[in-house]
Structure formats: C-alpha cells, structure tokens
Protein backbone atom coordinates (compact mmCIF):
# COMPACT_ATOMS: atom_id res chain seq x y z
CA MET A 1 -19.21 -30.29 -0.42
CA ASN A 2 -19.03 -27.06 -2.31
CA THR A 3 -15.45 -26.75 -3.77
CA ASN A 4 -15.32 -23.00 -2.46
CA ILE A 5 -16.28 -23.94 1.09
CA LEU A 6 -13.67 -26.88 0.86
CA LYS A 7 -10.89 -24.47 -0.10
CA LYS A 8 -11.82 -22.16 2.57
CA LEU A 9 -11.79 -24.94 5.29
CA ILE A 10 -8.39 -26.15 4.12
CA ALA A 11 -7.07 -22.59 4.25
CA ALA A 12 -8.52 -22.21 7.80
CA LEU A 13 -6.94 -25.52 8.94
CA ARG A 14 -3.52 -24.52 7.43
CA PHE A 15 -3.79 -21.20 9.45
CA LEU A 16 -5.05 -22.92 12.65
CA PHE A 17 -2.03 -25.48 12.82
CA ARG A 18 0.71 -23.08 11.71
CA ARG A 19 3.78 -22.38 13.82
CA ARG A 20 3.02 -19.38 15.47
CA LEU A 21 5.78 -16.58 14.75
CA LYS A 22 6.55 -13.77 17.39
CA ILE A 23 7.99 -10.39 17.26
CA THR A 24 9.03 -8.29 20.24
CA SER A 25 7.64 -4.50 20.60
CA ASN A 26 11.29 -3.19 21.22
CA VAL A 27 12.24 -3.69 17.58
CA ILE A 28 11.15 -0.26 16.78
CA ASN A 29 14.46 1.03 18.60
CA THR A 30 16.56 -0.74 15.87
CA PRO A 31 18.50 1.84 13.69
CA ILE A 32 17.70 1.70 9.92
CA LYS A 33 20.40 2.94 7.26
CA ASP A 34 19.54 5.70 4.63
CA PHE A 35 18.35 4.42 1.40
CA HIS A 36 19.63 6.21 -1.96
CA TYR A 37 17.16 6.05 -4.93
CA ALA A 38 17.91 7.52 -8.37
CA ILE A 39 14.68 8.47 -10.11
CA ASP A 40 14.25 9.61 -13.76
CA ILE A 41 11.45 9.95 -16.38
CA ASN A 42 11.77 6.38 -17.53
CA ASN A 43 10.87 4.60 -14.32
CA VAL A 44 8.20 7.22 -13.46
CA ILE A 45 6.39 6.30 -16.73
CA ASN A 46 7.02 2.66 -16.29
CA TYR A 47 5.11 2.72 -12.97
CA GLY A 48 2.29 4.56 -14.65
CA GLU A 49 1.93 1.76 -17.00
CA ALA A 50 1.38 -0.64 -14.20
CA ILE A 51 -1.82 1.20 -13.26
CA GLU A 52 -3.04 3.03 -16.41
CA ASN A 53 -6.83 2.87 -16.85
CA GLU A 54 -8.92 0.86 -19.43
CA LYS A 55 -8.49 3.60 -21.99
CA GLY A 56 -4.53 3.30 -21.67
CA GLN A 57 -4.29 6.50 -20.08
CA ASN A 58 -0.97 6.98 -18.03
CA LEU A 59 -1.30 9.69 -15.47
CA SER A 60 2.54 10.34 -15.57
CA LYS A 61 2.50 10.80 -19.25
CA ILE A 62 -0.75 13.26 -19.10
CA ASN A 63 1.09 15.28 -16.43
CA LYS A 64 4.25 15.56 -18.51
CA GLY A 65 6.36 13.20 -16.50
CA LYS A 66 5.34 14.21 -13.07
CA ILE A 67 5.41 11.15 -10.46
CA HIS A 68 2.24 9.65 -9.59
CA PRO A 69 1.06 10.37 -5.94
CA LEU A 70 1.58 6.72 -5.13
CA PHE A 71 4.93 6.38 -6.71
CA TYR A 72 6.82 6.84 -3.32
CA THR A 73 5.28 3.38 -2.29
CA LYS A 74 7.48 1.98 -5.13
CA ILE A 75 10.46 3.39 -3.36
CA SER A 76 9.53 2.45 0.23
CA TRP A 77 8.81 -1.26 -0.97
CA GLN A 78 12.43 -1.40 -2.01
CA ILE A 79 13.39 -1.13 1.64
CA ILE A 80 10.54 -2.93 3.10
CA GLU A 81 11.09 -6.15 0.93
CA LYS A 82 14.90 -6.06 1.87
CA LEU A 83 14.31 -4.58 5.29
CA ASN A 84 17.08 -6.81 6.91
CA ASN A 85 19.72 -5.31 4.52
CA TYR A 86 19.08 -1.92 6.32
CA LEU A 87 18.48 -3.09 10.12
CA GLU A 88 21.32 -3.07 12.40
CA ILE A 89 19.59 -6.03 13.95
CA PRO A 90 17.64 -8.38 11.66
CA ILE A 91 14.35 -9.56 11.85
CA ASP A 92 13.43 -13.33 11.13
CA GLU A 93 12.88 -13.49 7.33
CA LYS A 94 9.70 -15.65 7.76
CA ILE A 95 8.11 -12.82 9.68
CA LEU A 96 8.77 -10.31 6.92
CA LYS A 97 7.23 -12.57 4.55
CA THR A 98 3.87 -12.36 6.20
CA ILE A 99 3.56 -8.54 5.69
CA VAL A 100 0.06 -7.58 4.36
CA HIS A 101 -0.09 -3.71 3.60
CA GLN A 102 -2.60 -2.09 5.88
CA SER A 103 -2.65 1.63 5.32
CA GLU A 104 -0.94 4.52 3.55
CA ASN A 105 -0.42 8.21 4.45
CA ILE A 106 1.78 10.30 2.28
CA ASN A 107 2.24 14.08 2.47
CA PHE A 108 3.89 16.05 -0.23
CA TYR A 109 5.82 19.23 0.85
CA LYS A 110 7.59 20.23 -2.59
CA GLU A 111 7.41 19.20 -6.22
CA LEU A 112 10.11 16.68 -7.18
CA LEU A 113 12.06 17.83 -10.20
CA LEU A 114 13.44 15.00 -12.45
CA PRO A 115 15.93 13.53 -12.61
CA ALA A 116 16.52 13.47 -8.72
CA ASN A 117 18.71 11.59 -6.43
CA LEU A 118 16.57 10.90 -3.33
CA VAL A 119 17.84 10.08 0.17
CA VAL A 120 15.35 8.31 2.16
CA LYS A 121 15.52 8.11 5.98
CA PRO A 122 13.20 5.48 7.23
CA LYS A 123 12.39 4.69 10.90
CA LEU A 124 10.41 1.87 12.54
CA TRP A 125 7.68 4.17 13.90
CA SER A 126 5.37 1.93 15.77
CA ILE A 127 4.27 -1.56 16.51
CA GLY A 128 1.56 -3.12 18.47
CA PRO A 129 -0.88 -6.28 18.64
CA HIS A 130 -3.57 -6.89 16.16
CA LYS A 131 -6.46 -9.46 16.24
CA LYS A 132 -4.92 -11.02 13.16
CA GLY A 133 -1.23 -10.65 14.25
CA SER A 134 0.86 -7.38 14.65
CA LYS A 135 0.70 -3.98 13.08
CA LEU A 136 4.04 -2.37 12.10
CA LEU A 137 4.35 1.34 11.05
CA ILE A 138 7.38 2.56 9.19
CA LYS A 139 8.06 6.31 8.55
CA PHE A 140 9.98 7.46 5.53
CA ASP A 141 11.21 10.92 5.11
CA TYR A 142 12.26 11.63 1.43
CA TYR A 143 15.05 14.27 0.73
CA SER A 144 16.13 15.75 -2.55
CA ASP A 145 19.09 18.22 -2.52
CA ASN A 146 18.85 18.30 1.21
CA GLU A 147 15.07 19.46 1.29
CA LEU A 148 12.28 17.27 2.54
CA VAL A 149 9.94 16.68 -0.37
CA ALA A 150 7.59 14.10 1.25
CA THR A 151 6.92 11.96 4.10
CA GLU A 152 5.27 8.46 4.01
CA TYR A 153 3.64 6.35 6.67
CA SER A 154 3.29 2.72 5.56
CA SER A 155 1.56 0.28 8.00
CA GLY A 156 1.68 -3.58 7.44
CA LEU A 157 -0.14 -6.42 9.31
CA LEU A 158 2.29 -9.05 10.21
CA PHE A 159 -0.36 -11.76 9.45
CA GLY A 160 -0.34 -14.35 12.26
CA VAL A 161 2.65 -12.79 14.04
CA LYS A 162 2.27 -12.35 17.79
CA CYS A 163 3.55 -9.01 19.18
CA ILE A 164 5.38 -9.44 22.63
CA GLY A 165 5.59 -6.71 25.04
CA GLY A 166 2.60 -4.53 24.06
CA GLY A 167 2.57 -1.50 21.69
CA GLN A 168 5.32 1.00 21.40
CA SER A 169 5.57 4.11 19.27
CA LEU A 170 8.14 6.95 18.64
CA GLY A 171 5.45 9.45 18.26
CA GLU A 172 2.06 10.37 16.73
CA THR A 173 0.59 8.17 14.19
CA PRO A 174 -1.75 9.22 11.21
CA LYS A 175 -5.41 8.69 11.79
CA THR A 176 -7.90 7.72 9.06
CA ILE A 177 -11.51 9.21 8.94
CA LYS A 178 -14.47 7.06 8.07
CA ILE A 179 -17.13 8.82 6.09
CA ASN A 180 -20.59 7.19 5.68
CA GLU A 181 -22.17 9.11 2.96
CA THR A 182 -24.23 8.32 -0.04
CA PRO A 183 -21.86 8.34 -2.91
CA ILE A 184 -21.65 11.39 -5.32
CA TRP A 185 -20.58 8.89 -8.18
CA GLN A 186 -19.16 5.55 -8.37
CA GLU A 187 -17.29 3.70 -11.14
CA GLN A 188 -16.10 0.09 -11.62
CA ILE A 189 -12.61 -1.15 -12.56
CA GLU A 190 -11.97 -4.65 -13.69
CA ILE A 191 -9.16 -6.37 -11.89
CA GLU A 192 -7.58 -9.14 -14.18
CA LYS A 193 -6.10 -12.39 -12.87
CA THR A 194 -2.61 -11.46 -14.07
CA LEU A 195 -2.62 -7.76 -12.53
CA PRO A 196 -0.77 -8.73 -9.42
CA TYR A 197 2.05 -10.12 -11.63
CA ILE A 198 2.12 -7.05 -13.89
CA TYR A 199 2.12 -4.75 -11.05
CA ALA A 200 4.89 -6.56 -9.34
CA LYS A 201 6.97 -6.29 -12.45
CA LYS A 202 6.49 -2.72 -13.34
CA ALA A 203 6.07 -1.18 -9.83
CA GLU A 204 8.54 -3.62 -8.41
CA ILE A 205 6.16 -4.18 -5.52
CA ASP A 206 5.95 -7.93 -4.84
CA ALA A 207 5.67 -10.40 -2.01
CA PRO A 208 4.78 -14.13 -1.81
CA ILE A 209 1.13 -13.28 -0.95
CA HIS A 210 0.86 -11.50 -4.27
CA THR A 211 2.59 -13.79 -6.72
CA ASN A 212 2.98 -17.05 -4.96
CA PRO A 213 -0.20 -19.13 -4.53
CA LYS A 214 1.30 -21.90 -2.40
CA PHE A 215 2.70 -19.50 0.12
CA ALA A 216 -0.65 -17.50 0.36
CA LYS A 217 -2.67 -20.46 0.99
CA SER A 218 -0.07 -21.55 3.54
CA ILE A 219 -0.77 -18.68 5.81
CA GLY A 220 -4.50 -18.89 5.55
CA LEU A 221 -5.44 -16.86 2.33
CA PRO A 222 -7.76 -18.10 -0.25
CA ASP A 223 -5.18 -17.26 -2.94
CA ILE A 224 -3.01 -14.43 -4.10
CA ILE A 225 -4.11 -11.10 -3.47
CA LEU A 226 -3.69 -7.79 -5.26
CA GLN A 227 -1.28 -5.45 -3.84
CA GLY A 228 -3.02 -2.64 -1.83
CA THR A 229 -0.96 0.09 -3.36
CA CYS A 230 -2.30 -1.04 -6.70
CA THR A 231 -6.05 -0.74 -5.70
CA PHE A 232 -5.10 2.71 -4.08
CA ALA A 233 -3.14 3.90 -6.98
CA LYS A 234 -5.77 3.14 -9.62
CA SER A 235 -8.59 4.56 -7.41
CA VAL A 236 -6.48 7.88 -7.20
CA SER A 237 -5.89 7.93 -10.78
CA LEU A 238 -9.65 7.49 -11.46
CA ILE A 239 -10.66 10.29 -9.02
CA VAL A 240 -7.91 12.61 -10.49
CA ALA A 241 -9.24 12.10 -13.93
CA LYS A 242 -12.81 12.73 -12.82
CA GLU A 243 -12.47 15.57 -10.28
CA LEU A 244 -9.21 17.33 -11.09
CA ASN A 245 -9.16 17.00 -14.90
CA ASN A 246 -5.97 14.55 -14.78
CA ASP A 247 -3.99 17.23 -12.89
CA SER A 248 -2.26 15.45 -9.90
CA SER A 249 -0.12 18.53 -9.15
CA LYS A 250 -2.65 19.98 -6.93
CA ILE A 251 -2.43 17.20 -4.53
CA LYS A 252 -0.87 17.85 -1.02
CA ALA A 253 -1.57 14.42 0.77
CA VAL A 254 -3.22 10.99 0.04
CA SER A 255 -4.21 8.41 2.60
CA ALA A 256 -6.29 5.32 2.91
CA LYS A 257 -6.69 2.23 5.08
CA PHE A 258 -6.80 -1.13 3.35
CA THR A 259 -9.60 -3.13 4.90
CA GLY A 260 -10.17 -6.11 2.71
CA MET A 261 -8.40 -8.30 0.17
CA VAL A 262 -8.97 -8.21 -3.53
CA VAL A 263 -8.64 -11.69 -4.95
CA PRO A 264 -8.18 -11.69 -8.79
CA PRO A 265 -10.07 -11.92 -11.08
CA ASN A 266 -12.25 -9.13 -9.35
CA GLN A 267 -14.11 -6.00 -9.97
CA ILE A 268 -13.67 -3.04 -7.77
CA THR A 269 -16.02 0.00 -7.44
CA VAL A 270 -14.54 3.45 -6.55
CA ARG A 271 -16.90 5.64 -4.76
CA LEU A 272 -16.43 9.37 -4.18
CA LEU A 273 -18.23 10.03 -0.87
CA LYS A 274 -17.93 13.56 -0.26
CA ASN A 275 -16.14 16.67 -1.98
CA GLU A 276 -15.09 19.66 0.44
CA LYS A 277 -13.34 21.40 -2.43
CA LYS A 278 -10.08 20.94 -0.61
CA LEU A 279 -10.59 17.32 0.55
CA LEU A 280 -11.90 14.40 -1.32
CA TYR A 281 -13.24 11.37 0.53
CA PHE A 282 -13.56 8.00 -1.14
CA ASP A 283 -13.76 4.26 -0.47
CA VAL A 284 -13.28 0.98 -2.70
CA LEU A 285 -15.61 -1.99 -2.76
CA ASN A 286 -14.93 -5.46 -4.31
CA ASN A 287 -17.38 -7.43 -6.44
CA LYS A 288 -19.18 -8.76 -3.29
CA GLY A 289 -19.91 -5.23 -2.06
CA LYS A 290 -17.23 -5.40 0.78
CA ALA A 291 -15.09 -2.45 1.41
CA VAL A 292 -11.39 -3.23 0.55
CA LEU A 293 -10.16 0.27 0.97
CA LYS A 294 -11.67 2.72 3.68
CA GLY A 295 -11.08 6.29 4.66
CA GLY A 296 -9.65 7.29 1.49
CA GLN A 297 -8.59 10.91 1.40
CA ILE A 298 -7.14 13.36 -1.29
CA MET A 299 -5.98 16.70 0.21
CA LEU A 300 -5.73 19.64 -2.23
C-alpha cells in the first residue's frame, strides 16, 4: 500500500475512534477579563522577522516601525491560548487544544503610536455547529489611551467538538465575499518545513496542531500545519509590496477565510483577483492548487 495512503488511513481511523468532545452554546455568555499588552518597536520588528519575504524585507522596518496589519493576531492569540485564565467559567482544556484558525477580520480606526499600552476587551461573540466540529467567534476591541484603535473578529474551528444547544450570537458577524476572477497576477511563496516553529517562536502564535506532530495526527490531521495567520500575513505583505509600494499605512481593514491547511514543506500561490482601487481581492492556493485562503480582502 502507498505510504501516503496508509498515513491518511491511520489518521482517519484515529479521528473516527476518538472520544467525542462537546461544548454548549451558552458558553458565549461567559464574561472575559480585560487583557493588557505593552507594545514597543522591538516586538513589532520581531513579528516582522517571522514573516519577512525571500529578499529579507521586513514590512515593519520598511514602514519605520509601524505595526504589520496582522500584528493584532499576535496579541489576540495571547488571550486565546490561555483563554481559561480570563474566562470566569473555564472551558475543557482538551477542547481548546483542538482550535484551528478559520477566519480573520480586522478593522483599523486609528494609527497606533509606539510605544503603547493596549487594553484589549474580548468577548465570546458567537458559536455554532460546523460539519467538522464547532465554530467559535471571538471579538477583540483594542484601546490605546481610552480610544478604540482596532477591532478584530477571530473565528476558530473546534475540530471534532460537537456543539450542544444550537448556535448563538451576541450580534452581527463579519461576512467574507468570494470572488471568482481570472487573476491579475500571481506569485509563489516557498513554505519551509521549519516555518511553523519559527513563526511560533517569533510571533508567539502556537498550538499543538502547529508544532506537535503526534498531537496533530491524534485528531486526524496528516501532520503539523502552518498557522493560518502566517499564510495570511505573508500574503498581505506580498500584496502591499506589489500594489502599495510597501506602504501599509493606507490599509483600513483586512479579512480572509482559511479554507484549507498548508502542510509544510509546501509552496503557496498568492493571487490578486480584483483591484477596485479602494478594495483588493485575493486568494491563496497550496502546491496542489487547492485554495487555503479565500475571500481575502484589503480595504484602503
């Protein structure tokens, strides 16, 4: 039997005979404590190093220390990975370990001046059933000097976790628009085997599915997968370089849905699908031509 087929079969059997985890939809009523985060030029540059391109270009350095549009995901992950430290009623840790990033939507209201002391106000915004588990959406409001500077909506798939009680939401949720256009241009980015580990260290965005092969396979994945925010950030950096002359200060919002997994080593293809001057549409394919990121938007 082909080795790859055997690996997939073993992964499928592990997933089939796993103990099914469950979560109730009324979890979104659980209050979350505020999170305080001090940000300076050093951690901004460090994040940029995790996603610099093949030419060694760091978008934060090019933009004289301004934060990368995806930097806020570094902050929100500090909350997500230790969510029980902030929830008044904790969630089973085994459930939290199954989180697979599903979508991101970040709106920027004001330029963040460094250094800054951010106050993050998170809320469990919505939860509902998904064919592969449960979908959880968390909203993060970022304040600096009592002013709202950004809002992030981050959704995750609780892989293999059954949602009990139907879906619930505290308000409207962001929508992604799929564009089927002939690409204006496309460019490939090499994804090395070590990138999930490098990104986990420098961006501090980690989970067992990204750096623990044994755990990843135990829940039905073929191997560790690249962080979705890394794929997203590298794609945004490329588009900013090609379309905005490396000037990210014009960006008012970014969003995308993660529709596939990148198993390193790999090669992703970033495709600009449409340019409406104030809105850029893009998607990202893996080395097999499958879309791993859809509905990508950069609003100017």
